[in-house]
Amino acid sequence: MKKLILSVISLIFIAGITSSPWITVSFAEHRAINTFEGQWKNVSDGCGFDCKNCGVKSTEKVLFGRKVVVEYACGTLPSDSPEYHKRKELFVSFLGTVH
């Protein structure tokens, strides 16, 4: 009986971590944006979201967290055209870390 209870509790724990319901869309987007901007904080001509239609493009629930796709631009652009924009996929884990 103890093994059955322990197995059920373990399965519930594993299911909770893999689905990570506490990582909401808004939390994942906020963490991804802040982490990305923090990486370019002290770079004078770095990358950022100060361009037309830049920012979070999509958020998808995956195992152990969420995948966030952001669009950004780097350096001094000749024009704010989508051809100069880049995309990056960031992973927000169930712990809230961004990779």
N, C-alpha and C. Protein backbone atom coordinates (compact mmCIF):
# COMPACT_ATOMS: atom_id res chain seq x y z
N MET A 1 0.82 -1.20 0.00
CA MET A 1 0.00 0.00 0.00
C MET A 1 0.87 1.27 0.00
N LYS A 2 1.96 1.23 0.77
CA LYS A 2 2.85 2.39 0.83
C LYS A 2 3.48 2.68 -0.53
N LYS A 3 3.83 1.60 -1.25
CA LYS A 3 4.43 1.76 -2.57
C LYS A 3 3.45 2.38 -3.55
N LEU A 4 2.19 1.99 -3.44
CA LEU A 4 1.16 2.55 -4.32
C LEU A 4 0.97 4.04 -4.06
N ILE A 5 0.89 4.41 -2.81
CA ILE A 5 0.72 5.82 -2.45
C ILE A 5 1.94 6.63 -2.89
N LEU A 6 3.12 6.10 -2.65
CA LEU A 6 4.35 6.78 -3.07
C LEU A 6 4.41 6.92 -4.58
N SER A 7 3.99 5.89 -5.31
CA SER A 7 3.97 5.93 -6.77
C SER A 7 3.00 6.99 -7.28
N VAL A 8 1.81 7.06 -6.68
CA VAL A 8 0.81 8.05 -7.09
C VAL A 8 1.31 9.46 -6.81
N ILE A 9 1.89 9.68 -5.66
CA ILE A 9 2.43 11.00 -5.32
C ILE A 9 3.56 11.37 -6.28
N SER A 10 4.42 10.42 -6.60
CA SER A 10 5.52 10.68 -7.54
C SER A 10 5.00 11.04 -8.93
N LEU A 11 3.99 10.32 -9.39
CA LEU A 11 3.41 10.61 -10.70
C LEU A 11 2.77 12.00 -10.74
N ILE A 12 2.08 12.36 -9.68
CA ILE A 12 1.46 13.70 -9.61
C ILE A 12 2.55 14.77 -9.61
N PHE A 13 3.62 14.55 -8.88
CA PHE A 13 4.73 15.50 -8.83
C PHE A 13 5.38 15.65 -10.20
N ILE A 14 5.66 14.53 -10.86
CA ILE A 14 6.28 14.57 -12.18
C ILE A 14 5.36 15.24 -13.20
N ALA A 15 4.07 14.92 -13.14
CA ALA A 15 3.10 15.55 -14.06
C ALA A 15 3.04 17.06 -13.82
N GLY A 16 3.11 17.46 -12.57
CA GLY A 16 3.10 18.90 -12.25
C GLY A 16 4.30 19.62 -12.79
N ILE A 17 5.48 19.03 -12.66
CA ILE A 17 6.70 19.67 -13.16
C ILE A 17 6.70 19.73 -14.68
N THR A 18 6.31 18.64 -15.33
CA THR A 18 6.36 18.64 -16.79
C THR A 18 5.34 19.59 -17.40
N SER A 19 4.19 19.77 -16.75
CA SER A 19 3.20 20.70 -17.29
C SER A 19 3.44 22.12 -16.81
N SER A 20 4.11 22.30 -15.68
CA SER A 20 4.45 23.59 -15.07
C SER A 20 3.35 24.66 -15.25
N PRO A 21 2.19 24.46 -14.62
CA PRO A 21 1.09 25.41 -14.78
C PRO A 21 1.37 26.79 -14.21
N TRP A 22 2.37 26.94 -13.35
CA TRP A 22 2.70 28.25 -12.78
C TRP A 22 3.47 29.12 -13.75
N ILE A 23 3.95 28.58 -14.86
CA ILE A 23 4.62 29.39 -15.89
C ILE A 23 3.54 29.83 -16.88
N THR A 24 2.94 30.96 -16.60
CA THR A 24 1.88 31.48 -17.46
C THR A 24 2.47 32.18 -18.68
N VAL A 25 1.62 32.48 -19.63
CA VAL A 25 2.06 33.17 -20.85
C VAL A 25 2.69 34.51 -20.50
N SER A 26 2.02 35.30 -19.68
CA SER A 26 2.54 36.64 -19.34
C SER A 26 3.85 36.55 -18.56
N PHE A 27 3.96 35.58 -17.64
CA PHE A 27 5.19 35.41 -16.89
C PHE A 27 6.34 35.04 -17.82
N ALA A 28 6.11 34.09 -18.72
CA ALA A 28 7.15 33.65 -19.66
C ALA A 28 7.59 34.80 -20.57
N GLU A 29 6.63 35.55 -21.09
CA GLU A 29 6.97 36.69 -21.96
C GLU A 29 7.78 37.73 -21.21
N HIS A 30 7.36 38.05 -20.00
CA HIS A 30 8.06 39.05 -19.18
C HIS A 30 9.49 38.60 -18.88
N ARG A 31 9.66 37.34 -18.47
CA ARG A 31 11.00 36.82 -18.17
C ARG A 31 11.90 36.82 -19.41
N ALA A 32 11.34 36.42 -20.56
CA ALA A 32 12.12 36.37 -21.79
C ALA A 32 12.58 37.77 -22.21
N ILE A 33 11.67 38.73 -22.20
CA ILE A 33 12.00 40.12 -22.58
C ILE A 33 13.05 40.69 -21.64
N ASN A 34 12.84 40.55 -20.32
CA ASN A 34 13.78 41.12 -19.35
C ASN A 34 15.16 40.48 -19.46
N THR A 35 15.23 39.19 -19.65
CA THR A 35 16.52 38.51 -19.78
C THR A 35 17.23 38.95 -21.05
N PHE A 36 16.50 39.02 -22.16
CA PHE A 36 17.11 39.44 -23.43
C PHE A 36 17.64 40.87 -23.32
N GLU A 37 16.83 41.77 -22.80
CA GLU A 37 17.28 43.17 -22.65
C GLU A 37 18.45 43.27 -21.69
N GLY A 38 18.47 42.45 -20.65
CA GLY A 38 19.58 42.46 -19.69
C GLY A 38 20.90 42.04 -20.32
N GLN A 39 20.83 41.16 -21.30
CA GLN A 39 22.05 40.71 -21.98
C GLN A 39 22.68 41.83 -22.81
N TRP A 40 21.87 42.77 -23.27
CA TRP A 40 22.35 43.85 -24.13
C TRP A 40 22.39 45.20 -23.40
N LYS A 41 22.23 45.18 -22.09
CA LYS A 41 22.11 46.40 -21.29
C LYS A 41 23.27 47.38 -21.47
N ASN A 42 24.49 46.91 -21.43
CA ASN A 42 25.65 47.80 -21.48
C ASN A 42 26.33 47.85 -22.84
N VAL A 43 25.63 47.48 -23.89
CA VAL A 43 26.17 47.52 -25.24
C VAL A 43 25.55 48.72 -25.96
N SER A 44 26.38 49.65 -26.42
CA SER A 44 25.85 50.90 -26.99
C SER A 44 25.05 50.68 -28.27
N ASP A 45 25.48 49.85 -29.17
CA ASP A 45 24.74 49.57 -30.40
C ASP A 45 24.25 48.12 -30.38
N GLY A 46 23.70 47.72 -29.26
CA GLY A 46 23.28 46.34 -29.08
C GLY A 46 21.95 46.04 -29.73
N CYS A 47 21.33 44.99 -29.29
CA CYS A 47 20.05 44.54 -29.83
C CYS A 47 18.93 44.92 -28.89
N GLY A 48 17.74 45.10 -29.45
CA GLY A 48 16.60 45.46 -28.62
C GLY A 48 15.29 45.40 -29.38
N PHE A 49 14.24 45.84 -28.72
CA PHE A 49 12.89 45.76 -29.27
C PHE A 49 12.36 47.11 -29.72
N ASP A 50 13.25 48.09 -29.86
CA ASP A 50 12.84 49.44 -30.27
C ASP A 50 12.76 49.51 -31.80
N CYS A 51 11.89 48.70 -32.36
CA CYS A 51 11.68 48.67 -33.80
C CYS A 51 10.22 48.30 -34.06
N LYS A 52 9.77 48.57 -35.26
CA LYS A 52 8.37 48.35 -35.62
C LYS A 52 8.05 46.85 -35.59
N ASN A 53 6.98 46.50 -34.90
CA ASN A 53 6.49 45.12 -34.76
C ASN A 53 7.48 44.18 -34.10
N CYS A 54 8.37 44.70 -33.28
CA CYS A 54 9.31 43.84 -32.56
C CYS A 54 8.74 43.48 -31.19
N GLY A 55 9.28 42.44 -30.60
CA GLY A 55 8.82 41.97 -29.30
C GLY A 55 8.47 40.50 -29.38
N VAL A 56 7.58 40.07 -28.51
CA VAL A 56 7.19 38.66 -28.48
C VAL A 56 6.30 38.35 -29.67
N LYS A 57 6.67 37.32 -30.41
CA LYS A 57 5.90 36.90 -31.58
C LYS A 57 5.01 35.71 -31.27
N SER A 58 5.49 34.79 -30.45
CA SER A 58 4.66 33.64 -30.09
C SER A 58 5.15 33.03 -28.79
N THR A 59 4.24 32.35 -28.13
CA THR A 59 4.54 31.63 -26.90
C THR A 59 3.89 30.26 -27.01
N GLU A 60 4.66 29.22 -26.71
CA GLU A 60 4.14 27.87 -26.85
C GLU A 60 4.49 27.06 -25.60
N LYS A 61 3.51 26.34 -25.08
CA LYS A 61 3.73 25.47 -23.94
C LYS A 61 4.47 24.22 -24.40
N VAL A 62 5.57 23.91 -23.74
CA VAL A 62 6.36 22.71 -24.03
C VAL A 62 6.65 22.01 -22.70
N LEU A 63 7.22 20.82 -22.79
CA LEU A 63 7.57 20.11 -21.56
C LEU A 63 8.54 20.93 -20.72
N PHE A 64 8.28 20.99 -19.45
CA PHE A 64 9.12 21.67 -18.47
C PHE A 64 9.19 23.19 -18.64
N GLY A 65 8.23 23.82 -19.33
CA GLY A 65 8.22 25.28 -19.43
C GLY A 65 7.50 25.80 -20.64
N ARG A 66 7.98 26.94 -21.17
CA ARG A 66 7.38 27.57 -22.35
C ARG A 66 8.48 28.04 -23.29
N LYS A 67 8.17 27.98 -24.57
CA LYS A 67 9.07 28.48 -25.62
C LYS A 67 8.52 29.84 -26.05
N VAL A 68 9.38 30.85 -26.05
CA VAL A 68 8.99 32.22 -26.42
C VAL A 68 9.85 32.65 -27.60
N VAL A 69 9.19 33.09 -28.68
CA VAL A 69 9.90 33.58 -29.86
C VAL A 69 9.80 35.10 -29.86
N VAL A 70 10.96 35.76 -29.92
CA VAL A 70 11.00 37.22 -29.94
C VAL A 70 11.61 37.71 -31.25
N GLU A 71 11.16 38.88 -31.69
CA GLU A 71 11.74 39.54 -32.87
C GLU A 71 12.42 40.81 -32.38
N TYR A 72 13.61 41.06 -32.89
CA TYR A 72 14.41 42.20 -32.44
C TYR A 72 15.27 42.71 -33.58
N ALA A 73 15.93 43.83 -33.34
CA ALA A 73 16.87 44.39 -34.31
C ALA A 73 18.14 44.79 -33.57
N CYS A 74 19.26 44.78 -34.29
CA CYS A 74 20.56 45.10 -33.70
C CYS A 74 21.24 46.24 -34.44
N GLY A 75 21.97 47.04 -33.67
CA GLY A 75 22.78 48.11 -34.26
C GLY A 75 21.96 49.25 -34.81
N THR A 76 22.64 50.11 -35.54
CA THR A 76 21.99 51.24 -36.20
C THR A 76 21.48 50.76 -37.55
N LEU A 77 20.18 50.85 -37.73
CA LEU A 77 19.56 50.35 -38.96
C LEU A 77 19.40 51.46 -39.99
N PRO A 78 19.61 51.16 -41.27
CA PRO A 78 19.38 52.17 -42.31
C PRO A 78 17.89 52.54 -42.38
N SER A 79 17.02 51.57 -42.12
CA SER A 79 15.58 51.84 -42.04
C SER A 79 14.96 50.78 -41.15
N ASP A 80 13.82 51.10 -40.60
CA ASP A 80 13.14 50.15 -39.73
C ASP A 80 12.29 49.22 -40.58
N SER A 81 12.96 48.32 -41.26
CA SER A 81 12.31 47.40 -42.17
C SER A 81 12.44 45.97 -41.62
N PRO A 82 11.41 45.14 -41.80
CA PRO A 82 11.48 43.77 -41.29
C PRO A 82 12.65 42.95 -41.82
N GLU A 83 13.21 43.34 -42.94
CA GLU A 83 14.35 42.58 -43.49
C GLU A 83 15.58 42.66 -42.59
N TYR A 84 15.65 43.68 -41.72
CA TYR A 84 16.78 43.83 -40.81
C TYR A 84 16.50 43.21 -39.44
N HIS A 85 15.29 42.71 -39.22
CA HIS A 85 14.93 42.13 -37.93
C HIS A 85 15.41 40.68 -37.85
N LYS A 86 15.61 40.25 -36.62
CA LYS A 86 16.03 38.86 -36.35
C LYS A 86 15.04 38.25 -35.38
N ARG A 87 15.02 36.93 -35.34
CA ARG A 87 14.17 36.21 -34.39
C ARG A 87 15.04 35.28 -33.55
N LYS A 88 14.61 35.12 -32.31
CA LYS A 88 15.32 34.22 -31.41
C LYS A 88 14.30 33.45 -30.58
N GLU A 89 14.59 32.19 -30.36
CA GLU A 89 13.73 31.32 -29.56
C GLU A 89 14.35 31.20 -28.17
N LEU A 90 13.57 31.55 -27.15
CA LEU A 90 14.03 31.46 -25.77
C LEU A 90 13.17 30.44 -25.03
N PHE A 91 13.77 29.73 -24.09
CA PHE A 91 13.05 28.74 -23.31
C PHE A 91 12.98 29.21 -21.87
N VAL A 92 11.77 29.32 -21.33
CA VAL A 92 11.57 29.66 -19.92
C VAL A 92 11.23 28.36 -19.21
N SER A 93 12.14 27.93 -18.33
CA SER A 93 11.98 26.63 -17.68
C SER A 93 10.96 26.70 -16.55
N PHE A 94 10.61 25.54 -16.00
CA PHE A 94 9.65 25.48 -14.91
C PHE A 94 10.18 26.15 -13.65
N LEU A 95 11.48 26.43 -13.59
CA LEU A 95 12.08 27.16 -12.47
C LEU A 95 12.07 28.68 -12.70
N GLY A 96 11.70 29.11 -13.92
CA GLY A 96 11.67 30.53 -14.24
C GLY A 96 12.96 31.03 -14.88
N THR A 97 13.91 30.14 -15.12
CA THR A 97 15.16 30.54 -15.76
C THR A 97 14.96 30.60 -17.27
N VAL A 98 15.77 31.43 -17.93
CA VAL A 98 15.64 31.62 -19.37
C VAL A 98 16.91 31.11 -20.05
N HIS A 99 16.71 30.32 -21.08
CA HIS A 99 17.84 29.75 -21.84
C HIS A 99 17.61 29.99 -23.31
